[in-house]
Amino acid sequence: MATKIKLSKIMGLVLVVFPLLATAATNAKMEMSKDEWLSKIKEIVPEPICKGFMQDETIASRLKARNIDLQKCIELIPGIADKCSKKFYDRLPATITQENVSKWGHSIGECIGAEFVINYVFSDTEEKKDTTADGEQDAKTNSEMKKETGN
């Protein structure tokens, strides 16, 4: 129960911050190509997302226990952003506009937040989530994951 509350808190933080940053990345121009937008997202979002994580006492303590400080968090986010960009790339419109930036910022942000939480915040919990190409999540226990990988 506490893990679900913490996870909800983290996802809420990411979902509030990310669309605002996505919109800010687009505000300079009314529209831009999806490649340009994804590149800007990768540059802009790591620091604010990680600062938000570090301001939350529970999240910060879990990251500290894993030797992840602000700088390390900032270094980890671009790789996750790349993974999420690839996941949504074919569904993104060729041009990101003021009309669609919030929708796609929300989708990419949710993916980044979920991947970070799964891999770095709650990586030692009994239940892990596998984010599918549709952005949906399937719960798998560690034993199920080991069976799939043969470990």
Protein backbone atom coordinates (compact mmCIF):
# COMPACT_ATOMS: atom_id res chain seq x y z
CA MET A 1 0.00 0.00 0.00
CA ALA A 2 2.76 2.45 0.93
CA THR A 3 4.60 1.61 -2.29
CA LYS A 4 1.48 2.41 -4.33
CA ILE A 5 1.14 5.76 -2.56
CA LYS A 6 4.80 6.58 -3.15
CA LEU A 7 4.56 5.50 -6.78
CA SER A 8 1.46 7.66 -7.25
CA LYS A 9 3.28 10.60 -5.69
CA ILE A 10 6.26 10.17 -8.03
CA MET A 11 4.11 9.77 -11.12
CA GLY A 12 2.05 12.79 -10.11
CA LEU A 13 5.20 14.86 -9.86
CA VAL A 14 6.43 13.75 -13.28
CA LEU A 15 3.03 14.21 -14.89
CA VAL A 16 2.73 17.75 -13.60
CA VAL A 17 6.27 18.84 -14.42
CA PHE A 18 6.82 17.13 -17.76
CA PRO A 19 3.95 18.60 -19.82
CA LEU A 20 4.90 22.07 -18.58
CA LEU A 21 8.46 21.51 -19.72
CA ALA A 22 7.28 20.02 -23.00
CA THR A 23 5.17 23.11 -23.62
CA ALA A 24 8.07 25.39 -22.68
CA ALA A 25 10.26 23.58 -25.20
CA THR A 26 7.69 24.38 -27.88
CA ASN A 27 6.80 27.93 -26.80
CA ALA A 28 9.76 29.44 -28.64
CA LYS A 29 8.24 28.16 -31.90
CA MET A 30 4.62 27.44 -32.61
CA GLU A 31 5.62 24.12 -34.18
CA MET A 32 8.67 21.94 -34.67
CA SER A 33 9.53 18.54 -36.07
CA LYS A 34 9.16 15.60 -33.75
CA ASP A 35 12.92 14.95 -33.94
CA GLU A 36 13.69 18.51 -32.88
CA TRP A 37 11.09 18.34 -30.09
CA LEU A 38 12.41 15.02 -28.77
CA SER A 39 15.93 16.42 -28.79
CA LYS A 40 14.83 19.48 -26.80
CA ILE A 41 12.91 17.33 -24.33
CA LYS A 42 16.02 15.25 -23.71
CA GLU A 43 18.00 18.44 -22.98
CA ILE A 44 15.39 20.25 -20.89
CA VAL A 45 13.71 17.67 -18.63
CA PRO A 46 16.45 15.86 -16.67
CA GLU A 47 17.29 18.61 -14.18
CA PRO A 48 13.73 19.69 -13.23
CA ILE A 49 12.52 16.08 -12.95
CA CYS A 50 15.49 15.10 -10.79
CA LYS A 51 15.21 18.21 -8.62
CA GLY A 52 11.59 17.30 -8.03
CA PHE A 53 12.62 13.79 -6.99
CA MET A 54 15.27 15.18 -4.64
CA GLN A 55 12.77 17.51 -2.96
CA ASP A 56 10.59 14.57 -1.96
CA GLU A 57 11.97 13.10 1.27
CA THR A 58 10.88 9.52 0.55
CA ILE A 59 12.14 9.44 -3.03
CA ALA A 60 15.38 11.21 -2.12
CA SER A 61 16.11 8.70 0.64
CA ARG A 62 15.53 5.75 -1.71
CA LEU A 63 17.80 7.31 -4.32
CA LYS A 64 20.45 8.07 -1.69
CA ALA A 65 20.36 4.41 -0.60
CA ARG A 66 21.16 3.53 -4.22
CA ASN A 67 23.97 6.11 -4.41
CA ILE A 68 22.01 8.25 -6.87
CA ASP A 69 22.54 11.94 -6.24
CA LEU A 70 21.16 14.84 -8.29
CA GLN A 71 23.97 14.66 -10.84
CA LYS A 72 23.65 10.89 -11.31
CA CYS A 73 19.87 11.25 -11.71
CA ILE A 74 20.39 13.94 -14.36
CA GLU A 75 22.80 11.61 -16.18
CA LEU A 76 20.31 8.71 -16.11
CA ILE A 77 17.25 10.53 -17.46
CA PRO A 78 18.46 11.10 -21.08
CA GLY A 79 18.91 7.35 -21.65
CA ILE A 80 15.40 6.75 -20.35
CA ALA A 81 14.13 9.63 -22.51
CA ASP A 82 15.71 7.95 -25.56
CA LYS A 83 14.02 4.65 -24.72
CA CYS A 84 10.65 6.37 -24.34
CA SER A 85 11.15 8.44 -27.49
CA LYS A 86 11.73 5.25 -29.47
CA LYS A 87 8.65 3.68 -27.92
CA PHE A 88 6.39 6.54 -29.07
CA TYR A 89 8.27 7.68 -32.19
CA ASP A 90 6.02 6.04 -34.78
CA ARG A 91 2.88 7.39 -33.09
CA LEU A 92 4.13 10.97 -32.76
CA PRO A 93 2.89 13.36 -35.44
CA ALA A 94 5.58 14.64 -37.81
CA THR A 95 5.10 18.12 -36.36
CA ILE A 96 4.61 18.93 -32.68
CA THR A 97 2.31 21.93 -32.25
CA GLN A 98 0.74 23.88 -29.40
CA GLU A 99 -2.38 21.77 -29.93
CA ASN A 100 -0.69 18.38 -29.46
CA VAL A 101 2.33 19.09 -27.26
CA SER A 102 0.48 18.51 -24.00
CA LYS A 103 -0.81 15.10 -25.10
CA TRP A 104 2.58 13.87 -26.25
CA GLY A 105 4.44 15.53 -23.40
CA HIS A 106 2.16 13.67 -21.00
CA SER A 107 2.76 10.34 -22.77
CA ILE A 108 6.55 10.69 -22.95
CA GLY A 109 6.70 12.09 -19.40
CA GLU A 110 4.65 9.22 -18.00
CA CYS A 111 6.97 6.76 -19.72
CA ILE A 112 10.13 8.47 -18.41
CA GLY A 113 8.75 8.64 -14.88
CA ALA A 114 7.60 5.02 -14.89
CA GLU A 115 10.90 3.73 -16.27
CA PHE A 116 12.94 5.73 -13.76
CA VAL A 117 10.79 4.62 -10.84
CA ILE A 118 10.88 0.98 -11.90
CA ASN A 119 14.61 0.90 -12.49
CA TYR A 120 15.97 3.23 -9.82
CA VAL A 121 13.46 4.02 -7.07
CA PHE A 122 11.64 0.75 -6.44
CA SER A 123 14.03 -1.64 -8.15
CA ASP A 124 14.20 -3.87 -5.07
CA THR A 125 10.47 -4.33 -4.58
CA GLU A 126 8.86 -7.73 -5.02
CA GLU A 127 6.69 -6.57 -7.91
CA LYS A 128 8.10 -4.86 -10.99
CA LYS A 129 6.30 -3.32 -13.91
CA ASP A 130 7.01 -3.99 -17.56
CA THR A 131 6.01 -1.01 -19.69
CA THR A 132 4.65 -2.25 -23.01
CA ALA A 133 4.82 -0.53 -26.38
CA ASP A 134 1.28 0.73 -25.82
CA GLY A 135 2.36 2.54 -22.67
CA GLU A 136 0.32 0.11 -20.58
CA GLN A 137 1.95 -1.64 -17.68
CA ASP A 138 1.81 -5.32 -16.79
CA ALA A 139 2.76 -6.37 -13.28
CA LYS A 140 5.26 -9.21 -13.07
CA THR A 141 6.84 -10.76 -10.05
CA ASN A 142 10.59 -11.21 -9.93
CA SER A 143 10.14 -14.98 -10.34
CA GLU A 144 8.08 -14.50 -13.51
CA MET A 145 10.74 -12.18 -14.92
CA LYS A 146 13.47 -14.72 -14.11
CA LYS A 147 11.52 -17.49 -15.87
CA GLU A 148 11.20 -15.32 -18.98
CA THR A 149 14.91 -14.53 -19.09
CA GLY A 150 16.01 -18.01 -18.07
CA ASN A 151 17.89 -16.74 -14.98
